[in-house]
Amino acid sequence: MKQSDAQTISKLALRASDDLNSILIELLEDADAEKIAEYKKLIGSLLGEIYFSILRPIYELYPDLAPEELKTNR
């Protein structure tokens, strides 16, 4: 994968993560405790999948693309 493609995919995946977090915040305002737990589990699974299947492989290939909050000490 070219670095320019990796950068585009990274930006889109991070935007999707932000959107999922925004959805969760909106859902929390009107949901009961049981629904909140369901939403958190579902959105948490999606966020994990985005990170482990998309972002992590990109950042392993191009560490300089990783946002500071996602960089690890190596």
Protein backbone atom coordinates (compact mmCIF):
# COMPACT_ATOMS: atom_id res chain seq x y z
CA MET A 1 0.00 0.00 0.00
CA LYS A 2 1.29 3.41 -0.92
CA GLN A 3 1.76 5.88 1.92
CA SER A 4 -0.67 8.33 0.34
CA ASP A 5 -3.37 5.63 0.26
CA ALA A 6 -2.58 4.67 3.84
CA GLN A 7 -2.91 8.29 4.91
CA THR A 8 -6.31 8.64 3.23
CA ILE A 9 -7.58 5.40 4.76
CA SER A 10 -6.28 6.43 8.18
CA LYS A 11 -8.07 9.78 8.01
CA LEU A 12 -11.33 8.13 6.96
CA ALA A 13 -11.09 5.44 9.65
CA LEU A 14 -10.39 8.05 12.33
CA ARG A 15 -13.36 10.09 11.09
CA ALA A 16 -15.55 6.98 11.29
CA SER A 17 -14.34 6.41 14.85
CA ASP A 18 -15.20 9.99 15.77
CA ASP A 19 -18.64 9.57 14.21
CA LEU A 20 -19.26 6.38 16.18
CA ASN A 21 -18.30 8.16 19.39
CA SER A 22 -20.70 10.98 18.51
CA ILE A 23 -23.48 8.48 17.87
CA LEU A 24 -22.87 6.90 21.25
CA ILE A 25 -23.04 10.28 23.00
CA GLU A 26 -26.37 11.01 21.28
CA LEU A 27 -27.77 7.59 22.15
CA LEU A 28 -26.77 7.93 25.80
CA GLU A 29 -28.98 10.97 26.20
CA ASP A 30 -32.25 9.11 25.59
CA ALA A 31 -31.59 5.47 26.38
CA ASP A 32 -32.27 3.36 29.43
CA ALA A 33 -29.45 1.53 31.22
CA GLU A 34 -29.99 -1.74 29.34
CA LYS A 35 -29.90 -0.06 25.93
CA ILE A 36 -26.86 1.98 26.92
CA ALA A 37 -24.98 -1.22 27.73
CA GLU A 38 -25.96 -2.67 24.33
CA TYR A 39 -24.87 0.48 22.50
CA LYS A 40 -21.55 0.62 24.33
CA LYS A 41 -20.82 -3.02 23.53
CA LEU A 42 -21.73 -2.67 19.86
CA ILE A 43 -19.88 0.59 19.28
CA GLY A 44 -16.90 -0.66 21.29
CA SER A 45 -16.72 -3.71 19.02
CA LEU A 46 -16.83 -1.52 15.93
CA LEU A 47 -14.13 0.81 17.28
CA GLY A 48 -11.94 -2.18 18.12
CA GLU A 49 -12.38 -3.60 14.64
CA ILE A 50 -11.48 -0.28 13.03
CA TYR A 51 -8.34 -0.05 15.14
CA PHE A 52 -7.10 -3.64 14.93
CA SER A 53 -8.09 -4.36 11.31
CA ILE A 54 -7.42 -1.00 9.67
CA LEU A 55 -5.43 1.49 11.71
CA ARG A 56 -2.94 -0.74 13.50
CA PRO A 57 -1.67 -2.40 10.29
CA ILE A 58 -1.31 1.02 8.66
CA TYR A 59 0.59 2.45 11.63
CA GLU A 60 2.87 -0.58 11.75
CA LEU A 61 3.70 0.01 8.09
CA TYR A 62 3.88 3.82 8.38
CA PRO A 63 4.47 4.77 12.05
CA ASP A 64 4.73 8.46 11.16
CA LEU A 65 1.03 8.48 10.19
CA ALA A 66 -0.13 7.52 13.69
CA PRO A 67 -1.63 10.33 15.76
CA GLU A 68 0.38 11.07 18.90
CA GLU A 69 -2.30 9.52 21.15
CA LEU A 70 -1.98 6.21 19.28
CA LYS A 71 1.80 6.02 19.13
CA THR A 72 3.42 3.45 21.34
CA ASN A 73 6.83 3.45 22.89
CA ARG A 74 8.95 0.95 21.01
